[in-house]
Amino acid sequence: MIKFKVKKAKLIKIVIFRRNYKYGFIKKIKLIVIIQCEIAKRRCSGYHCSQSFYERSGGFEKYSQDQDMRLLMFECGGCNGKGVNSLLSNVGKCLKKEGKIKPEEVAIHFASCVTLDNHHSSRCMFINHMKQQVLKTPLKDALILEDTWYSKTATRRRLEGIYKTNRS
């Protein structure tokens, strides 16, 4: 269940998971959807995000290497992230038609280019809006997570204070 609370005209997301990690919810994930920044994708192939998935490193270290999962990557649709709704709705429609993967067996990862301050840009100002868009799709019961790959250089620059840590 996901609840929203307005505080000082800023939307703060409070996530309450019906299933906790320690109860094996992560083990039930069959599809990982990575949403990448359209602007960052102009100069990034997404190689490191997919490599992190297959190596189970970075934002994917919580998943077992033995876990059989599919990977799907796409862009947000540009600033304001409205493309997230239509693309995830299409994924939900395809999953329903195929009948092999349920919405609660999907994890949506917002890529590090969206969630972290890095050389591509600052943290996306529309990330909370995009998370709200997920709730309007058939995948509203999917697990929503941030981060995919942690660049060593960007991590060092965050520690040095050059990049913001962007954790709200």
C-alpha atoms as a PDB file:
ATOM      1  CA  MET A   1       0.000   0.000   0.000  1.00  0.00           C
ATOM      2  CA  ILE A   2       1.351   3.445  -0.854  1.00  0.00           C
ATOM      3  CA  LYS A   3       0.272   6.606   0.885  1.00  0.00           C
ATOM      4  CA  PHE A   4       1.089  10.210   0.119  1.00  0.00           C
ATOM      5  CA  LYS A   5       1.335  13.059   2.579  1.00  0.00           C
ATOM      6  CA  VAL A   6       1.603  16.754   1.698  1.00  0.00           C
ATOM      7  CA  LYS A   7       4.023  18.712   3.863  1.00  0.00           C
ATOM      8  CA  LYS A   8       5.115  22.288   3.148  1.00  0.00           C
ATOM      9  CA  ALA A   9       3.685  22.080  -0.391  1.00  0.00           C
ATOM     10  CA  LYS A  10       6.075  19.237  -1.126  1.00  0.00           C
ATOM     11  CA  LEU A  11       4.903  15.734  -1.875  1.00  0.00           C
ATOM     12  CA  ILE A  12       6.570  13.219   0.390  1.00  0.00           C
ATOM     13  CA  LYS A  13       6.103   9.590  -0.433  1.00  0.00           C
ATOM     14  CA  ILE A  14       5.659   7.163   2.392  1.00  0.00           C
ATOM     15  CA  VAL A  15       5.925   3.601   1.231  1.00  0.00           C
ATOM     16  CA  ILE A  16       4.384   0.857   3.297  1.00  0.00           C
ATOM     17  CA  PHE A  17       5.129  -2.581   1.886  1.00  0.00           C
ATOM     18  CA  ARG A  18       2.534  -5.258   2.435  1.00  0.00           C
ATOM     19  CA  ARG A  19       5.289  -7.813   2.063  1.00  0.00           C
ATOM     20  CA  ASN A  20       8.650  -7.357   3.739  1.00  0.00           C
ATOM     21  CA  TYR A  21      11.966  -8.328   2.102  1.00  0.00           C
ATOM     22  CA  LYS A  22      12.703 -10.829   4.858  1.00  0.00           C
ATOM     23  CA  TYR A  23       9.487 -12.706   4.015  1.00  0.00           C
ATOM     24  CA  GLY A  24      10.748 -13.479   0.540  1.00  0.00           C
ATOM     25  CA  PHE A  25       8.941 -10.872  -1.563  1.00  0.00           C
ATOM     26  CA  ILE A  26      12.134 -10.161  -3.496  1.00  0.00           C
ATOM     27  CA  LYS A  27      12.395 -13.875  -4.321  1.00  0.00           C
ATOM     28  CA  LYS A  28       9.028 -13.696  -6.108  1.00  0.00           C
ATOM     29  CA  ILE A  29      10.124 -11.035  -8.608  1.00  0.00           C
ATOM     30  CA  LYS A  30      10.043 -12.338 -12.193  1.00  0.00           C
ATOM     31  CA  LEU A  31      10.390  -9.105 -14.184  1.00  0.00           C
ATOM     32  CA  ILE A  32      12.660  -6.114 -13.639  1.00  0.00           C
ATOM     33  CA  VAL A  33      11.709  -2.906 -15.445  1.00  0.00           C
ATOM     34  CA  ILE A  34      14.408  -0.238 -15.577  1.00  0.00           C
ATOM     35  CA  ILE A  35      13.228   3.279 -16.368  1.00  0.00           C
ATOM     36  CA  GLN A  36      16.028   5.482 -17.665  1.00  0.00           C
ATOM     37  CA  CYS A  37      16.280   9.232 -18.251  1.00  0.00           C
ATOM     38  CA  GLU A  38      15.568  10.135 -21.866  1.00  0.00           C
ATOM     39  CA  ILE A  39      18.142  12.938 -21.803  1.00  0.00           C
ATOM     40  CA  ALA A  40      20.859  10.735 -20.273  1.00  0.00           C
ATOM     41  CA  LYS A  41      20.097   8.018 -22.860  1.00  0.00           C
ATOM     42  CA  ARG A  42      21.299  10.374 -25.587  1.00  0.00           C
ATOM     43  CA  ARG A  43      24.833   9.607 -24.394  1.00  0.00           C
ATOM     44  CA  CYS A  44      24.385   6.402 -22.419  1.00  0.00           C
ATOM     45  CA  SER A  45      23.701   2.948 -23.841  1.00  0.00           C
ATOM     46  CA  GLY A  46      22.404   1.551 -20.551  1.00  0.00           C
ATOM     47  CA  TYR A  47      25.239  -0.983 -20.546  1.00  0.00           C
ATOM     48  CA  HIS A  48      26.156  -0.470 -16.881  1.00  0.00           C
ATOM     49  CA  CYS A  49      22.541  -0.769 -15.710  1.00  0.00           C
ATOM     50  CA  SER A  50      22.100  -4.081 -17.502  1.00  0.00           C
ATOM     51  CA  GLN A  51      25.534  -5.265 -16.357  1.00  0.00           C
ATOM     52  CA  SER A  52      24.560  -4.509 -12.739  1.00  0.00           C
ATOM     53  CA  PHE A  53      21.386  -6.537 -13.240  1.00  0.00           C
ATOM     54  CA  TYR A  54      23.214  -9.587 -14.598  1.00  0.00           C
ATOM     55  CA  GLU A  55      25.979  -9.351 -11.959  1.00  0.00           C
ATOM     56  CA  ARG A  56      23.413  -8.623  -9.193  1.00  0.00           C
ATOM     57  CA  SER A  57      25.420  -5.604  -8.056  1.00  0.00           C
ATOM     58  CA  GLY A  58      24.481  -2.007  -7.254  1.00  0.00           C
ATOM     59  CA  GLY A  59      20.713  -1.616  -6.961  1.00  0.00           C
ATOM     60  CA  PHE A  60      20.234  -5.308  -7.814  1.00  0.00           C
ATOM     61  CA  GLU A  61      22.347  -6.856  -5.057  1.00  0.00           C
ATOM     62  CA  LYS A  62      19.205  -7.802  -3.099  1.00  0.00           C
ATOM     63  CA  TYR A  63      18.268 -10.347  -5.785  1.00  0.00           C
ATOM     64  CA  SER A  64      19.702 -13.859  -5.794  1.00  0.00           C
ATOM     65  CA  GLN A  65      21.967 -14.820  -8.695  1.00  0.00           C
ATOM     66  CA  ASP A  66      19.888 -18.016  -9.025  1.00  0.00           C
ATOM     67  CA  GLN A  67      16.684 -16.051  -9.484  1.00  0.00           C
ATOM     68  CA  ASP A  68      15.268 -16.403 -12.995  1.00  0.00           C
ATOM     69  CA  MET A  69      14.099 -12.941 -14.084  1.00  0.00           C
ATOM     70  CA  ARG A  70      13.422 -11.051 -17.288  1.00  0.00           C
ATOM     71  CA  LEU A  71      14.791  -7.561 -17.895  1.00  0.00           C
ATOM     72  CA  LEU A  72      13.013  -4.736 -19.687  1.00  0.00           C
ATOM     73  CA  MET A  73      14.534  -1.272 -20.130  1.00  0.00           C
ATOM     74  CA  PHE A  74      12.951   1.887 -21.491  1.00  0.00           C
ATOM     75  CA  GLU A  75      13.111   5.665 -21.245  1.00  0.00           C
ATOM     76  CA  CYS A  76      10.875   7.891 -19.133  1.00  0.00           C
ATOM     77  CA  GLY A  77       9.471   9.719 -22.163  1.00  0.00           C
ATOM     78  CA  GLY A  78      11.153  13.045 -21.480  1.00  0.00           C
ATOM     79  CA  CYS A  79      10.882  15.689 -18.803  1.00  0.00           C
ATOM     80  CA  ASN A  80       7.797  15.278 -16.665  1.00  0.00           C
ATOM     81  CA  GLY A  81       7.917  11.502 -17.235  1.00  0.00           C
ATOM     82  CA  LYS A  82       4.470  11.160 -18.796  1.00  0.00           C
ATOM     83  CA  GLY A  83       5.776   8.339 -21.005  1.00  0.00           C
ATOM     84  CA  VAL A  84       6.053   6.138 -17.920  1.00  0.00           C
ATOM     85  CA  ASN A  85       2.271   5.768 -17.741  1.00  0.00           C
ATOM     86  CA  SER A  86       1.728   4.642 -21.328  1.00  0.00           C
ATOM     87  CA  LEU A  87       4.731   2.307 -21.434  1.00  0.00           C
ATOM     88  CA  LEU A  88       3.928   0.625 -18.111  1.00  0.00           C
ATOM     89  CA  SER A  89       0.276   0.333 -19.127  1.00  0.00           C
ATOM     90  CA  ASN A  90       1.426  -1.490 -22.259  1.00  0.00           C
ATOM     91  CA  VAL A  91       3.658  -3.789 -20.184  1.00  0.00           C
ATOM     92  CA  GLY A  92       0.727  -4.498 -17.839  1.00  0.00           C
ATOM     93  CA  LYS A  93      -1.547  -5.286 -20.787  1.00  0.00           C
ATOM     94  CA  CYS A  94       1.032  -7.670 -22.288  1.00  0.00           C
ATOM     95  CA  LEU A  95       1.611  -9.405 -18.938  1.00  0.00           C
ATOM     96  CA  LYS A  96      -2.136  -9.862 -18.411  1.00  0.00           C
ATOM     97  CA  LYS A  97      -2.561 -11.299 -21.900  1.00  0.00           C
ATOM     98  CA  GLU A  98       0.414 -13.642 -21.462  1.00  0.00           C
ATOM     99  CA  GLY A  99      -0.673 -14.632 -17.942  1.00  0.00           C
ATOM    100  CA  LYS A 100       2.781 -15.725 -16.760  1.00  0.00           C
ATOM    101  CA  ILE A 101       3.767 -12.754 -14.578  1.00  0.00           C
ATOM    102  CA  LYS A 102       1.492 -10.958 -12.099  1.00  0.00           C
ATOM    103  CA  PRO A 103       1.873  -7.229 -11.310  1.00  0.00           C
ATOM    104  CA  GLU A 104       3.111  -8.043  -7.791  1.00  0.00           C
ATOM    105  CA  GLU A 105       5.935 -10.076  -9.386  1.00  0.00           C
ATOM    106  CA  VAL A 106       7.339  -6.970 -11.080  1.00  0.00           C
ATOM    107  CA  ALA A 107       9.987  -4.618  -9.704  1.00  0.00           C
ATOM    108  CA  ILE A 108      10.325  -1.180 -11.271  1.00  0.00           C
ATOM    109  CA  HIS A 109      13.778   0.328 -10.830  1.00  0.00           C
ATOM    110  CA  PHE A 110      14.294   3.972 -11.617  1.00  0.00           C
ATOM    111  CA  ALA A 111      17.825   4.085 -13.043  1.00  0.00           C
ATOM    112  CA  SER A 112      20.612   5.886 -11.225  1.00  0.00           C
ATOM    113  CA  CYS A 113      20.634   8.555 -13.969  1.00  0.00           C
ATOM    114  CA  VAL A 114      17.128   9.467 -12.733  1.00  0.00           C
ATOM    115  CA  THR A 115      17.625   9.034  -8.984  1.00  0.00           C
ATOM    116  CA  LEU A 116      21.138  10.331  -8.306  1.00  0.00           C
ATOM    117  CA  ASP A 117      23.149  13.473  -8.942  1.00  0.00           C
ATOM    118  CA  ASN A 118      25.747  12.457 -11.545  1.00  0.00           C
ATOM    119  CA  HIS A 119      27.671  13.648 -14.602  1.00  0.00           C
ATOM    120  CA  HIS A 120      24.542  13.352 -16.771  1.00  0.00           C
ATOM    121  CA  SER A 121      22.484  15.702 -14.601  1.00  0.00           C
ATOM    122  CA  SER A 122      21.027  16.275 -11.153  1.00  0.00           C
ATOM    123  CA  ARG A 123      18.398  14.003  -9.598  1.00  0.00           C
ATOM    124  CA  CYS A 124      15.252  14.161 -11.724  1.00  0.00           C
ATOM    125  CA  MET A 125      12.795  16.734 -10.414  1.00  0.00           C
ATOM    126  CA  PHE A 126       9.911  14.628 -11.759  1.00  0.00           C
ATOM    127  CA  ILE A 127      10.721  11.370  -9.975  1.00  0.00           C
ATOM    128  CA  ASN A 128       7.825  11.641  -7.512  1.00  0.00           C
ATOM    129  CA  HIS A 129       5.479  12.439 -10.392  1.00  0.00           C
ATOM    130  CA  MET A 130       6.702   9.357 -12.268  1.00  0.00           C
ATOM    131  CA  LYS A 131       6.145   7.202  -9.185  1.00  0.00           C
ATOM    132  CA  GLN A 132       2.573   8.537  -9.030  1.00  0.00           C
ATOM    133  CA  GLN A 133       2.155   7.624 -12.703  1.00  0.00           C
ATOM    134  CA  VAL A 134       3.069   4.015 -11.861  1.00  0.00           C
ATOM    135  CA  LEU A 135       0.078   3.930  -9.487  1.00  0.00           C
ATOM    136  CA  LYS A 136      -2.241   4.732 -12.413  1.00  0.00           C
ATOM    137  CA  THR A 137      -1.155   1.676 -14.387  1.00  0.00           C
ATOM    138  CA  PRO A 138      -1.957  -2.033 -14.153  1.00  0.00           C
ATOM    139  CA  LEU A 139       1.443  -2.362 -12.415  1.00  0.00           C
ATOM    140  CA  LYS A 140       0.334  -0.342  -9.366  1.00  0.00           C
ATOM    141  CA  ASP A 141       1.131  -3.361  -7.142  1.00  0.00           C
ATOM    142  CA  ALA A 142       4.710  -3.601  -8.434  1.00  0.00           C
ATOM    143  CA  LEU A 143       7.646  -2.913  -6.164  1.00  0.00           C
ATOM    144  CA  ILE A 144       9.064   0.565  -6.890  1.00  0.00           C
ATOM    145  CA  LEU A 145      12.786   0.966  -6.237  1.00  0.00           C
ATOM    146  CA  GLU A 146      15.496   3.512  -6.927  1.00  0.00           C
ATOM    147  CA  ASP A 147      18.980   3.017  -8.357  1.00  0.00           C
ATOM    148  CA  THR A 148      20.609   0.522 -10.663  1.00  0.00           C
ATOM    149  CA  TRP A 149      24.347   1.071 -11.087  1.00  0.00           C
ATOM    150  CA  TYR A 150      26.737   2.947  -8.797  1.00  0.00           C
ATOM    151  CA  SER A 151      29.536   4.617 -10.720  1.00  0.00           C
ATOM    152  CA  LYS A 152      32.786   4.608  -8.707  1.00  0.00           C
ATOM    153  CA  THR A 153      33.590   8.141  -9.875  1.00  0.00           C
ATOM    154  CA  ALA A 154      30.136   9.539  -9.041  1.00  0.00           C
ATOM    155  CA  THR A 155      30.153   7.760  -5.656  1.00  0.00           C
ATOM    156  CA  ARG A 156      33.548   9.316  -4.869  1.00  0.00           C
ATOM    157  CA  ARG A 157      32.300  12.746  -5.948  1.00  0.00           C
ATOM    158  CA  ARG A 158      29.252  12.380  -3.669  1.00  0.00           C
ATOM    159  CA  LEU A 159      31.569  11.590  -0.755  1.00  0.00           C
ATOM    160  CA  GLU A 160      33.702  14.630  -1.672  1.00  0.00           C
ATOM    161  CA  GLY A 161      30.592  16.829  -1.733  1.00  0.00           C
ATOM    162  CA  ILE A 162      30.881  17.617  -5.451  1.00  0.00           C
ATOM    163  CA  TYR A 163      27.579  15.814  -6.154  1.00  0.00           C
ATOM    164  CA  LYS A 164      24.607  15.929  -3.824  1.00  0.00           C
ATOM    165  CA  THR A 165      23.570  12.728  -2.096  1.00  0.00           C
ATOM    166  CA  ASN A 166      19.944  13.325  -3.194  1.00  0.00           C
ATOM    167  CA  ARG A 167      18.350  11.245  -0.501  1.00  0.00           C
ATOM    168  CA  SER A 168      15.051  12.702   0.647  1.00  0.00           C
END
